[in-house]
Amino acid sequence: METGFEKKERERIRKRVKEIRSFYINLSAYCIVMPILIIINVTFTPEFYWFFFSMAGWGIGLLFHAMAAFNFVPFLNKDWEERKLQQFMDEDRRAREKFIDKDKAAQTQLNQTTH
């Protein structure tokens, strides 16, 4: 009998496998379609190599698909997220402390003037 955690874990893994499978299908299509486009380009319009645009555009999309499927994000990754979160928390804490210090100073000054 699977627990709720095991079911969620299995579903997460199943989703990841589907993402990887989807990437491989995309890669296969790229490897089949690009040579066809190159042949069409060279045969009918050899004076202008337009297939580079398709190759580059789809290739960039394929790169991002691979990065998503294999959880490879060299920028804006979890470490960056944690550092940014910590930075904002520190800034918020300093602002709160500054406000509290000003409030205490004002309260002290108010107390001194009333006595």
PDB file of N, CA and C in Angstrom:
ATOM      1  N   MET A   1       0.842  -1.177   0.000  1.00  0.00           N
ATOM      2  CA  MET A   1       0.000   0.000   0.000  1.00  0.00           C
ATOM      3  C   MET A   1       0.888   1.241   0.000  1.00  0.00           C
ATOM      4  N   GLU A   2       0.700   2.112  -0.995  1.00  0.00           N
ATOM      5  CA  GLU A   2       1.497   3.326  -1.107  1.00  0.00           C
ATOM      6  C   GLU A   2       0.945   4.422  -0.195  1.00  0.00           C
ATOM      7  N   THR A   3       1.880   5.174   0.379  1.00  0.00           N
ATOM      8  CA  THR A   3       1.474   6.320   1.186  1.00  0.00           C
ATOM      9  C   THR A   3       1.251   7.514   0.255  1.00  0.00           C
ATOM     10  N   GLY A   4       0.725   8.589   0.795  1.00  0.00           N
ATOM     11  CA  GLY A   4       0.502   9.797   0.002  1.00  0.00           C
ATOM     12  C   GLY A   4       1.804  10.341  -0.557  1.00  0.00           C
ATOM     13  N   PHE A   5       2.865  10.280   0.271  1.00  0.00           N
ATOM     14  CA  PHE A   5       4.171  10.759  -0.179  1.00  0.00           C
ATOM     15  C   PHE A   5       4.670   9.924  -1.351  1.00  0.00           C
ATOM     16  N   GLU A   6       4.552   8.600  -1.258  1.00  0.00           N
ATOM     17  CA  GLU A   6       5.026   7.718  -2.332  1.00  0.00           C
ATOM     18  C   GLU A   6       4.242   7.954  -3.618  1.00  0.00           C
ATOM     19  N   LYS A   7       2.939   8.215  -3.508  1.00  0.00           N
ATOM     20  CA  LYS A   7       2.126   8.497  -4.691  1.00  0.00           C
ATOM     21  C   LYS A   7       2.579   9.801  -5.353  1.00  0.00           C
ATOM     22  N   LYS A   8       2.829  10.819  -4.531  1.00  0.00           N
ATOM     23  CA  LYS A   8       3.295  12.094  -5.076  1.00  0.00           C
ATOM     24  C   LYS A   8       4.665  11.943  -5.729  1.00  0.00           C
ATOM     25  N   GLU A   9       5.525  11.174  -5.069  1.00  0.00           N
ATOM     26  CA  GLU A   9       6.872  10.935  -5.611  1.00  0.00           C
ATOM     27  C   GLU A   9       6.789  10.186  -6.938  1.00  0.00           C
ATOM     28  N   ARG A  10       5.949   9.171  -7.010  1.00  0.00           N
ATOM     29  CA  ARG A  10       5.775   8.402  -8.250  1.00  0.00           C
ATOM     30  C   ARG A  10       5.236   9.309  -9.357  1.00  0.00           C
ATOM     31  N   GLU A  11       4.289  10.168  -9.021  1.00  0.00           N
ATOM     32  CA  GLU A  11       3.707  11.077 -10.012  1.00  0.00           C
ATOM     33  C   GLU A  11       4.749  12.088 -10.492  1.00  0.00           C
ATOM     34  N   ARG A  12       5.560  12.587  -9.570  1.00  0.00           N
ATOM     35  CA  ARG A  12       6.629  13.525  -9.943  1.00  0.00           C
ATOM     36  C   ARG A  12       7.630  12.867 -10.877  1.00  0.00           C
ATOM     37  N   ILE A  13       8.007  11.626 -10.566  1.00  0.00           N
ATOM     38  CA  ILE A  13       8.961  10.895 -11.408  1.00  0.00           C
ATOM     39  C   ILE A  13       8.340  10.593 -12.767  1.00  0.00           C
ATOM     40  N   ARG A  14       7.067  10.221 -12.772  1.00  0.00           N
ATOM     41  CA  ARG A  14       6.371   9.939 -14.033  1.00  0.00           C
ATOM     42  C   ARG A  14       6.352  11.192 -14.920  1.00  0.00           C
ATOM     43  N   LYS A  15       6.115  12.343 -14.307  1.00  0.00           N
ATOM     44  CA  LYS A  15       6.091  13.591 -15.052  1.00  0.00           C
ATOM     45  C   LYS A  15       7.476  13.894 -15.627  1.00  0.00           C
ATOM     46  N   ARG A  16       8.517  13.660 -14.840  1.00  0.00           N
ATOM     47  CA  ARG A  16       9.886  13.905 -15.306  1.00  0.00           C
ATOM     48  C   ARG A  16      10.232  12.987 -16.468  1.00  0.00           C
ATOM     49  N   VAL A  17       9.833  11.717 -16.390  1.00  0.00           N
ATOM     50  CA  VAL A  17      10.092  10.771 -17.482  1.00  0.00           C
ATOM     51  C   VAL A  17       9.367  11.229 -18.751  1.00  0.00           C
ATOM     52  N   LYS A  18       8.146  11.728 -18.611  1.00  0.00           N
ATOM     53  CA  LYS A  18       7.401  12.235 -19.773  1.00  0.00           C
ATOM     54  C   LYS A  18       8.107  13.446 -20.383  1.00  0.00           C
ATOM     55  N   GLU A  19       8.655  14.313 -19.542  1.00  0.00           N
ATOM     56  CA  GLU A  19       9.392  15.477 -20.043  1.00  0.00           C
ATOM     57  C   GLU A  19      10.630  15.045 -20.827  1.00  0.00           C
ATOM     58  N   ILE A  20      11.353  14.065 -20.306  1.00  0.00           N
ATOM     59  CA  ILE A  20      12.551  13.567 -20.995  1.00  0.00           C
ATOM     60  C   ILE A  20      12.163  12.902 -22.312  1.00  0.00           C
ATOM     61  N   ARG A  21      11.094  12.105 -22.279  1.00  0.00           N
ATOM     62  CA  ARG A  21      10.611  11.448 -23.498  1.00  0.00           C
ATOM     63  C   ARG A  21      10.215  12.495 -24.539  1.00  0.00           C
ATOM     64  N   SER A  22       9.529  13.535 -24.108  1.00  0.00           N
ATOM     65  CA  SER A  22       9.122  14.615 -24.995  1.00  0.00           C
ATOM     66  C   SER A  22      10.340  15.289 -25.625  1.00  0.00           C
ATOM     67  N   PHE A  23      11.397  15.480 -24.834  1.00  0.00           N
ATOM     68  CA  PHE A  23      12.628  16.064 -25.379  1.00  0.00           C
ATOM     69  C   PHE A  23      13.223  15.167 -26.457  1.00  0.00           C
ATOM     70  N   TYR A  24      13.286  13.866 -26.202  1.00  0.00           N
ATOM     71  CA  TYR A  24      13.864  12.951 -27.197  1.00  0.00           C
ATOM     72  C   TYR A  24      13.037  12.911 -28.480  1.00  0.00           C
ATOM     73  N   ILE A  25      11.728  13.033 -28.368  1.00  0.00           N
ATOM     74  CA  ILE A  25      10.877  13.096 -29.561  1.00  0.00           C
ATOM     75  C   ILE A  25      11.190  14.382 -30.332  1.00  0.00           C
ATOM     76  N   ASN A  26      11.314  15.478 -29.618  1.00  0.00           N
ATOM     77  CA  ASN A  26      11.652  16.757 -30.241  1.00  0.00           C
ATOM     78  C   ASN A  26      13.020  16.682 -30.923  1.00  0.00           C
ATOM     79  N   LEU A  27      13.993  16.086 -30.255  1.00  0.00           N
ATOM     80  CA  LEU A  27      15.335  15.929 -30.821  1.00  0.00           C
ATOM     81  C   LEU A  27      15.301  15.061 -32.074  1.00  0.00           C
ATOM     82  N   SER A  28      14.543  13.978 -32.045  1.00  0.00           N
ATOM     83  CA  SER A  28      14.425  13.105 -33.210  1.00  0.00           C
ATOM     84  C   SER A  28      13.812  13.845 -34.394  1.00  0.00           C
ATOM     85  N   ALA A  29      12.768  14.607 -34.133  1.00  0.00           N
ATOM     86  CA  ALA A  29      12.136  15.390 -35.197  1.00  0.00           C
ATOM     87  C   ALA A  29      13.131  16.392 -35.779  1.00  0.00           C
ATOM     88  N   TYR A  30      13.901  17.014 -34.928  1.00  0.00           N
ATOM     89  CA  TYR A  30      14.915  17.975 -35.376  1.00  0.00           C
ATOM     90  C   TYR A  30      15.929  17.289 -36.292  1.00  0.00           C
ATOM     91  N   CYS A  31      16.388  16.109 -35.878  1.00  0.00           N
ATOM     92  CA  CYS A  31      17.388  15.374 -36.658  1.00  0.00           C
ATOM     93  C   CYS A  31      16.830  14.854 -37.990  1.00  0.00           C
ATOM     94  N   ILE A  32      15.535  14.679 -38.083  1.00  0.00           N
ATOM     95  CA  ILE A  32      14.911  14.228 -39.329  1.00  0.00           C
ATOM     96  C   ILE A  32      14.577  15.424 -40.231  1.00  0.00           C
ATOM     97  N   VAL A  33      14.022  16.474 -39.659  1.00  0.00           N
ATOM     98  CA  VAL A  33      13.542  17.607 -40.447  1.00  0.00           C
ATOM     99  C   VAL A  33      14.692  18.473 -40.961  1.00  0.00           C
ATOM    100  N   MET A  34      15.720  18.706 -40.170  1.00  0.00           N
ATOM    101  CA  MET A  34      16.795  19.607 -40.597  1.00  0.00           C
ATOM    102  C   MET A  34      17.483  19.140 -41.887  1.00  0.00           C
ATOM    103  N   PRO A  35      17.862  17.870 -42.029  1.00  0.00           N
ATOM    104  CA  PRO A  35      18.458  17.458 -43.309  1.00  0.00           C
ATOM    105  C   PRO A  35      17.500  17.653 -44.496  1.00  0.00           C
ATOM    106  N   ILE A  36      16.211  17.441 -44.266  1.00  0.00           N
ATOM    107  CA  ILE A  36      15.237  17.647 -45.336  1.00  0.00           C
ATOM    108  C   ILE A  36      15.211  19.124 -45.735  1.00  0.00           C
ATOM    109  N   LEU A  37      15.201  20.013 -44.739  1.00  0.00           N
ATOM    110  CA  LEU A  37      15.222  21.449 -45.041  1.00  0.00           C
ATOM    111  C   LEU A  37      16.508  21.856 -45.753  1.00  0.00           C
ATOM    112  N   ILE A  38      17.624  21.282 -45.356  1.00  0.00           N
ATOM    113  CA  ILE A  38      18.900  21.591 -46.007  1.00  0.00           C
ATOM    114  C   ILE A  38      18.853  21.163 -47.474  1.00  0.00           C
ATOM    115  N   ILE A  39      18.349  19.961 -47.734  1.00  0.00           N
ATOM    116  CA  ILE A  39      18.246  19.463 -49.116  1.00  0.00           C
ATOM    117  C   ILE A  39      17.319  20.354 -49.942  1.00  0.00           C
ATOM    118  N   ILE A  40      16.183  20.727 -49.378  1.00  0.00           N
ATOM    119  CA  ILE A  40      15.246  21.606 -50.093  1.00  0.00           C
ATOM    120  C   ILE A  40      15.911  22.949 -50.383  1.00  0.00           C
ATOM    121  N   ASN A  41      16.600  23.504 -49.391  1.00  0.00           N
ATOM    122  CA  ASN A  41      17.261  24.792 -49.564  1.00  0.00           C
ATOM    123  C   ASN A  41      18.333  24.731 -50.644  1.00  0.00           C
ATOM    124  N   VAL A  42      19.207  23.750 -50.558  1.00  0.00           N
ATOM    125  CA  VAL A  42      20.317  23.649 -51.513  1.00  0.00           C
ATOM    126  C   VAL A  42      19.811  23.340 -52.922  1.00  0.00           C
ATOM    127  N   THR A  43      18.727  22.600 -53.015  1.00  0.00           N
ATOM    128  CA  THR A  43      18.179  22.232 -54.319  1.00  0.00           C
ATOM    129  C   THR A  43      17.472  23.406 -55.001  1.00  0.00           C
ATOM    130  N   PHE A  44      16.625  24.119 -54.284  1.00  0.00           N
ATOM    131  CA  PHE A  44      15.782  25.128 -54.906  1.00  0.00           C
ATOM    132  C   PHE A  44      16.300  26.565 -54.792  1.00  0.00           C
ATOM    133  N   THR A  45      16.987  26.893 -53.738  1.00  0.00           N
ATOM    134  CA  THR A  45      17.536  28.254 -53.582  1.00  0.00           C
ATOM    135  C   THR A  45      18.967  28.191 -53.050  1.00  0.00           C
ATOM    136  N   PRO A  46      19.895  27.690 -53.875  1.00  0.00           N
ATOM    137  CA  PRO A  46      21.283  27.543 -53.393  1.00  0.00           C
ATOM    138  C   PRO A  46      22.007  28.872 -53.177  1.00  0.00           C
ATOM    139  N   GLU A  47      21.464  29.958 -53.702  1.00  0.00           N
ATOM    140  CA  GLU A  47      22.133  31.250 -53.552  1.00  0.00           C
ATOM    141  C   GLU A  47      21.944  31.858 -52.149  1.00  0.00           C
ATOM    142  N   PHE A  48      20.943  31.364 -51.397  1.00  0.00           N
ATOM    143  CA  PHE A  48      20.695  31.877 -50.045  1.00  0.00           C
ATOM    144  C   PHE A  48      20.412  30.711 -49.104  1.00  0.00           C
ATOM    145  N   TYR A  49      21.238  30.581 -48.104  1.00  0.00           N
ATOM    146  CA  TYR A  49      21.083  29.474 -47.148  1.00  0.00           C
ATOM    147  C   TYR A  49      20.145  29.887 -46.018  1.00  0.00           C
ATOM    148  N   TRP A  50      18.861  29.750 -46.233  1.00  0.00           N
ATOM    149  CA  TRP A  50      17.861  30.124 -45.241  1.00  0.00           C
ATOM    150  C   TRP A  50      17.660  29.062 -44.166  1.00  0.00           C
ATOM    151  N   PHE A  51      18.132  27.843 -44.418  1.00  0.00           N
ATOM    152  CA  PHE A  51      17.917  26.775 -43.442  1.00  0.00           C
ATOM    153  C   PHE A  51      18.590  27.071 -42.104  1.00  0.00           C
ATOM    154  N   PHE A  52      19.602  27.965 -42.117  1.00  0.00           N
ATOM    155  CA  PHE A  52      20.276  28.322 -40.869  1.00  0.00           C
ATOM    156  C   PHE A  52      19.309  28.958 -39.864  1.00  0.00           C
ATOM    157  N   PHE A  53      18.345  29.710 -40.372  1.00  0.00           N
ATOM    158  CA  PHE A  53      17.384  30.359 -39.485  1.00  0.00           C
ATOM    159  C   PHE A  53      16.525  29.311 -38.763  1.00  0.00           C
ATOM    160  N   SER A  54      16.058  28.329 -39.528  1.00  0.00           N
ATOM    161  CA  SER A  54      15.260  27.248 -38.925  1.00  0.00           C
ATOM    162  C   SER A  54      16.110  26.445 -37.955  1.00  0.00           C
ATOM    163  N   MET A  55      17.329  26.158 -38.375  1.00  0.00           N
ATOM    164  CA  MET A  55      18.231  25.360 -37.539  1.00  0.00           C
ATOM    165  C   MET A  55      18.529  26.074 -36.227  1.00  0.00           C
ATOM    166  N   ALA A  56      18.803  27.372 -36.311  1.00  0.00           N
ATOM    167  CA  ALA A  56      19.133  28.137 -35.101  1.00  0.00           C
ATOM    168  C   ALA A  56      17.907  28.301 -34.199  1.00  0.00           C
ATOM    169  N   GLY A  57      16.787  28.662 -34.779  1.00  0.00           N
ATOM    170  CA  GLY A  57      15.581  28.875 -33.976  1.00  0.00           C
ATOM    171  C   GLY A  57      15.135  27.620 -33.264  1.00  0.00           C
ATOM    172  N   TRP A  58      15.008  26.545 -33.999  1.00  0.00           N
ATOM    173  CA  TRP A  58      14.582  25.284 -33.404  1.00  0.00           C
ATOM    174  C   TRP A  58      15.653  24.773 -32.453  1.00  0.00           C
ATOM    175  N   GLY A  59      16.917  24.984 -32.818  1.00  0.00           N
ATOM    176  CA  GLY A  59      18.022  24.535 -31.961  1.00  0.00           C
ATOM    177  C   GLY A  59      18.021  25.214 -30.604  1.00  0.00           C
ATOM    178  N   ILE A  60      17.723  26.516 -30.591  1.00  0.00           N
ATOM    179  CA  ILE A  60      17.646  27.241 -29.320  1.00  0.00           C
ATOM    180  C   ILE A  60      16.480  26.703 -28.488  1.00  0.00           C
ATOM    181  N   GLY A  61      15.348  26.484 -29.153  1.00  0.00           N
ATOM    182  CA  GLY A  61      14.202  25.901 -28.448  1.00  0.00           C
ATOM    183  C   GLY A  61      14.530  24.523 -27.906  1.00  0.00           C
ATOM    184  N   LEU A  62      15.247  23.735 -28.687  1.00  0.00           N
ATOM    185  CA  LEU A  62      15.661  22.399 -28.267  1.00  0.00           C
ATOM    186  C   LEU A  62      16.603  22.464 -27.068  1.00  0.00           C
ATOM    187  N   LEU A  63      17.486  23.443 -27.072  1.00  0.00           N
ATOM    188  CA  LEU A  63      18.401  23.628 -25.938  1.00  0.00           C
ATOM    189  C   LEU A  63      17.629  23.912 -24.656  1.00  0.00           C
ATOM    190  N   PHE A  64      16.666  24.821 -24.733  1.00  0.00           N
ATOM    191  CA  PHE A  64      15.865  25.134 -23.545  1.00  0.00           C
ATOM    192  C   PHE A  64      15.002  23.945 -23.121  1.00  0.00           C
ATOM    193  N   HIS A  65      14.516  23.186 -24.088  1.00  0.00           N
ATOM    194  CA  HIS A  65      13.740  21.991 -23.775  1.00  0.00           C
ATOM    195  C   HIS A  65      14.610  20.986 -23.018  1.00  0.00           C
ATOM    196  N   ALA A  66      15.845  20.808 -23.476  1.00  0.00           N
ATOM    197  CA  ALA A  66      16.777  19.892 -22.803  1.00  0.00           C
ATOM    198  C   ALA A  66      17.076  20.367 -21.385  1.00  0.00           C
ATOM    199  N   MET A  67      17.286  21.670 -21.234  1.00  0.00           N
ATOM    200  CA  MET A  67      17.585  22.214 -19.905  1.00  0.00           C
ATOM    201  C   MET A  67      16.421  21.972 -18.950  1.00  0.00           C
ATOM    202  N   ALA A  68      15.209  22.115 -19.442  1.00  0.00           N
ATOM    203  CA  ALA A  68      14.031  21.890 -18.601  1.00  0.00           C
ATOM    204  C   ALA A  68      13.861  20.403 -18.291  1.00  0.00           C
ATOM    205  N   ALA A  69      14.054  19.552 -19.303  1.00  0.00           N
ATOM    206  CA  ALA A  69      13.838  18.115 -19.123  1.00  0.00           C
ATOM    207  C   ALA A  69      14.855  17.496 -18.166  1.00  0.00           C
ATOM    208  N   PHE A  70      16.087  17.985 -18.211  1.00  0.00           N
ATOM    209  CA  PHE A  70      17.138  17.395 -17.386  1.00  0.00           C
ATOM    210  C   PHE A  70      17.479  18.245 -16.164  1.00  0.00           C
ATOM    211  N   ASN A  71      16.615  19.213 -15.844  1.00  0.00           N
ATOM    212  CA  ASN A  71      16.789  20.073 -14.669  1.00  0.00           C
ATOM    213  C   ASN A  71      18.159  20.728 -14.613  1.00  0.00           C
ATOM    214  N   PHE A  72      18.603  21.249 -15.749  1.00  0.00           N
ATOM    215  CA  PHE A  72      19.890  21.951 -15.803  1.00  0.00           C
ATOM    216  C   PHE A  72      19.612  23.418 -16.082  1.00  0.00           C
ATOM    217  N   VAL A  73      19.733  24.226 -15.035  1.00  0.00           N
ATOM    218  CA  VAL A  73      19.530  25.664 -15.182  1.00  0.00           C
ATOM    219  C   VAL A  73      20.723  26.355 -14.528  1.00  0.00           C
ATOM    220  N   PRO A  74      21.733  26.724 -15.340  1.00  0.00           N
ATOM    221  CA  PRO A  74      22.931  27.317 -14.755  1.00  0.00           C
ATOM    222  C   PRO A  74      22.708  28.726 -14.210  1.00  0.00           C
ATOM    223  N   PHE A  75      21.648  29.377 -14.631  1.00  0.00           N
ATOM    224  CA  PHE A  75      21.343  30.713 -14.134  1.00  0.00           C
ATOM    225  C   PHE A  75      19.962  30.683 -13.497  1.00  0.00           C
ATOM    226  N   LEU A  76      19.791  31.497 -12.518  1.00  0.00           N
ATOM    227  CA  LEU A  76      18.529  31.571 -11.781  1.00  0.00           C
ATOM    228  C   LEU A  76      18.108  30.215 -11.219  1.00  0.00           C
ATOM    229  N   ASN A  77      19.072  29.470 -10.710  1.00  0.00           N
ATOM    230  CA  ASN A  77      18.772  28.150 -10.145  1.00  0.00           C
ATOM    231  C   ASN A  77      18.380  28.277  -8.671  1.00  0.00           C
ATOM    232  N   LYS A  78      18.252  27.146  -7.998  1.00  0.00           N
ATOM    233  CA  LYS A  78      17.823  27.131  -6.601  1.00  0.00           C
ATOM    234  C   LYS A  78      18.776  27.907  -5.697  1.00  0.00           C
ATOM    235  N   ASP A  79      20.100  27.781  -5.949  1.00  0.00           N
ATOM    236  CA  ASP A  79      21.068  28.506  -5.126  1.00  0.00           C
ATOM    237  C   ASP A  79      20.854  30.012  -5.252  1.00  0.00           C
ATOM    238  N   TRP A  80      20.653  30.468  -6.502  1.00  0.00           N
ATOM    239  CA  TRP A  80      20.399  31.877  -6.728  1.00  0.00           C
ATOM    240  C   TRP A  80      19.135  32.305  -6.000  1.00  0.00           C
ATOM    241  N   GLU A  81      18.102  31.481  -6.090  1.00  0.00           N
ATOM    242  CA  GLU A  81      16.824  31.775  -5.456  1.00  0.00           C
ATOM    243  C   GLU A  81      16.993  31.902  -3.941  1.00  0.00           C
ATOM    244  N   GLU A  82      17.742  30.981  -3.343  1.00  0.00           N
ATOM    245  CA  GLU A  82      17.979  31.020  -1.901  1.00  0.00           C
ATOM    246  C   GLU A  82      18.773  32.257  -1.503  1.00  0.00           C
ATOM    247  N   ARG A  83      19.818  32.587  -2.295  1.00  0.00           N
ATOM    248  CA  ARG A  83      20.621  33.777  -1.990  1.00  0.00           C
ATOM    249  C   ARG A  83      19.773  35.047  -2.082  1.00  0.00           C
ATOM    250  N   LYS A  84      18.929  35.125  -3.127  1.00  0.00           N
ATOM    251  CA  LYS A  84      18.075  36.291  -3.303  1.00  0.00           C
ATOM    252  C   LYS A  84      17.059  36.393  -2.169  1.00  0.00           C
ATOM    253  N   LEU A  85      16.489  35.276  -1.792  1.00  0.00           N
ATOM    254  CA  LEU A  85      15.537  35.239  -0.690  1.00  0.00           C
ATOM    255  C   LEU A  85      16.201  35.731   0.593  1.00  0.00           C
ATOM    256  N   GLN A  86      17.403  35.245   0.861  1.00  0.00           N
ATOM    257  CA  GLN A  86      18.144  35.659   2.055  1.00  0.00           C
ATOM    258  C   GLN A  86      18.462  37.148   2.007  1.00  0.00           C
ATOM    259  N   GLN A  87      18.844  37.638   0.820  1.00  0.00           N
ATOM    260  CA  GLN A  87      19.142  39.063   0.662  1.00  0.00           C
ATOM    261  C   GLN A  87      17.920  39.915   0.993  1.00  0.00           C
ATOM    262  N   PHE A  88      16.763  39.553   0.452  1.00  0.00           N
ATOM    263  CA  PHE A  88      15.548  40.326   0.706  1.00  0.00           C
ATOM    264  C   PHE A  88      15.129  40.243   2.174  1.00  0.00           C
ATOM    265  N   MET A  89      15.316  39.078   2.773  1.00  0.00           N
ATOM    266  CA  MET A  89      14.981  38.939   4.193  1.00  0.00           C
ATOM    267  C   MET A  89      15.890  39.819   5.043  1.00  0.00           C
ATOM    268  N   ASP A  90      17.189  39.853   4.703  1.00  0.00           N
ATOM    269  CA  ASP A  90      18.130  40.698   5.444  1.00  0.00           C
ATOM    270  C   ASP A  90      17.785  42.178   5.282  1.00  0.00           C
ATOM    271  N   GLU A  91      17.451  42.588   4.045  1.00  0.00           N
ATOM    272  CA  GLU A  91      17.080  43.985   3.810  1.00  0.00           C
ATOM    273  C   GLU A  91      15.825  44.343   4.594  1.00  0.00           C
ATOM    274  N   ASP A  92      14.858  43.444   4.594  1.00  0.00           N
ATOM    275  CA  ASP A  92      13.617  43.681   5.320  1.00  0.00           C
ATOM    276  C   ASP A  92      13.879  43.779   6.832  1.00  0.00           C
ATOM    277  N   ARG A  93      14.725  42.892   7.344  1.00  0.00           N
ATOM    278  CA  ARG A  93      15.064  42.918   8.776  1.00  0.00           C
ATOM    279  C   ARG A  93      15.762  44.230   9.138  1.00  0.00           C
ATOM    280  N   ARG A  94      16.706  44.677   8.302  1.00  0.00           N
ATOM    281  CA  ARG A  94      17.417  45.942   8.574  1.00  0.00           C
ATOM    282  C   ARG A  94      16.452  47.125   8.552  1.00  0.00           C
ATOM    283  N   ALA A  95      15.532  47.121   7.596  1.00  0.00           N
ATOM    284  CA  ALA A  95      14.547  48.215   7.520  1.00  0.00           C
ATOM    285  C   ALA A  95      13.647  48.214   8.751  1.00  0.00           C
ATOM    286  N   ARG A  96      13.237  47.033   9.192  1.00  0.00           N
ATOM    287  CA  ARG A  96      12.404  46.921  10.391  1.00  0.00           C
ATOM    288  C   ARG A  96      13.164  47.413  11.624  1.00  0.00           C
ATOM    289  N   GLU A  97      14.432  46.998  11.747  1.00  0.00           N
ATOM    290  CA  GLU A  97      15.242  47.419  12.894  1.00  0.00           C
ATOM    291  C   GLU A  97      15.443  48.927  12.883  1.00  0.00           C
ATOM    292  N   LYS A  98      15.652  49.496  11.700  1.00  0.00           N
ATOM    293  CA  LYS A  98      15.835  50.933  11.576  1.00  0.00           C
ATOM    294  C   LYS A  98      14.559  51.660  12.017  1.00  0.00           C
ATOM    295  N   PHE A  99      13.427  51.161  11.580  1.00  0.00           N
ATOM    296  CA  PHE A  99      12.139  51.742  11.958  1.00  0.00           C
ATOM    297  C   PHE A  99      11.917  51.639  13.463  1.00  0.00           C
ATOM    298  N   ILE A 100      12.223  50.478  14.025  1.00  0.00           N
ATOM    299  CA  ILE A 100      12.052  50.263  15.466  1.00  0.00           C
ATOM    300  C   ILE A 100      12.973  51.185  16.246  1.00  0.00           C
ATOM    301  N   ASP A 101      14.230  51.349  15.772  1.00  0.00           N
ATOM    302  CA  ASP A 101      15.176  52.243  16.446  1.00  0.00           C
ATOM    303  C   ASP A 101      14.673  53.680  16.425  1.00  0.00           C
ATOM    304  N   LYS A 102      14.143  54.117  15.281  1.00  0.00           N
ATOM    305  CA  LYS A 102      13.605  55.474  15.189  1.00  0.00           C
ATOM    306  C   LYS A 102      12.404  55.636  16.114  1.00  0.00           C
ATOM    307  N   ASP A 103      11.571  54.615  16.165  1.00  0.00           N
ATOM    308  CA  ASP A 103      10.388  54.651  17.023  1.00  0.00           C
ATOM    309  C   ASP A 103      10.797  54.725  18.492  1.00  0.00           C
ATOM    310  N   LYS A 104      11.807  53.939  18.868  1.00  0.00           N
ATOM    311  CA  LYS A 104      12.280  53.977  20.256  1.00  0.00           C
ATOM    312  C   LYS A 104      12.876  55.341  20.595  1.00  0.00           C
ATOM    313  N   ALA A 105      13.627  55.913  19.646  1.00  0.00           N
ATOM    314  CA  ALA A 105      14.229  57.224  19.879  1.00  0.00           C
ATOM    315  C   ALA A 105      13.145  58.283  20.046  1.00  0.00           C
ATOM    316  N   ALA A 106      12.129  58.206  19.198  1.00  0.00           N
ATOM    317  CA  ALA A 106      11.019  59.163  19.298  1.00  0.00           C
ATOM    318  C   ALA A 106      10.278  58.974  20.618  1.00  0.00           C
ATOM    319  N   GLN A 107      10.078  57.757  21.024  1.00  0.00           N
ATOM    320  CA  GLN A 107       9.389  57.461  22.287  1.00  0.00           C
ATOM    321  C   GLN A 107      10.201  57.985  23.471  1.00  0.00           C
ATOM    322  N   THR A 108      11.510  57.796  23.421  1.00  0.00           N
ATOM    323  CA  THR A 108      12.387  58.271  24.487  1.00  0.00           C
ATOM    324  C   THR A 108      12.340  59.793  24.568  1.00  0.00           C
ATOM    325  N   GLN A 109      12.412  60.431  23.390  1.00  0.00           N
ATOM    326  CA  GLN A 109      12.364  61.891  23.355  1.00  0.00           C
ATOM    327  C   GLN A 109      11.023  62.403  23.883  1.00  0.00           C
ATOM    328  N   LEU A 110       9.948  61.723  23.542  1.00  0.00           N
ATOM    329  CA  LEU A 110       8.625  62.093  24.012  1.00  0.00           C
ATOM    330  C   LEU A 110       8.532  61.950  25.541  1.00  0.00           C
ATOM    331  N   ASN A 111       9.089  60.864  26.060  1.00  0.00           N
ATOM    332  CA  ASN A 111       9.078  60.628  27.504  1.00  0.00           C
ATOM    333  C   ASN A 111       9.883  61.709  28.250  1.00  0.00           C
ATOM    334  N   GLN A 112      11.009  62.122  27.662  1.00  0.00           N
ATOM    335  CA  GLN A 112      11.861  63.131  28.307  1.00  0.00           C
ATOM    336  C   GLN A 112      11.180  64.490  28.332  1.00  0.00           C
ATOM    337  N   THR A 113      10.431  64.810  27.281  1.00  0.00           N
ATOM    338  CA  THR A 113       9.778  66.118  27.234  1.00  0.00           C
ATOM    339  C   THR A 113       8.555  66.181  28.148  1.00  0.00           C
ATOM    340  N   THR A 114       7.934  65.025  28.409  1.00  0.00           N
ATOM    341  CA  THR A 114       6.751  65.025  29.262  1.00  0.00           C
ATOM    342  C   THR A 114       7.100  64.971  30.737  1.00  0.00           C
ATOM    343  N   HIS A 115       8.321  64.627  31.092  1.00  0.00           N
ATOM    344  CA  HIS A 115       8.704  64.531  32.517  1.00  0.00           C
ATOM    345  C   HIS A 115       9.367  65.758  32.971  1.00  0.00           C
TER     346      HIS A 115
END
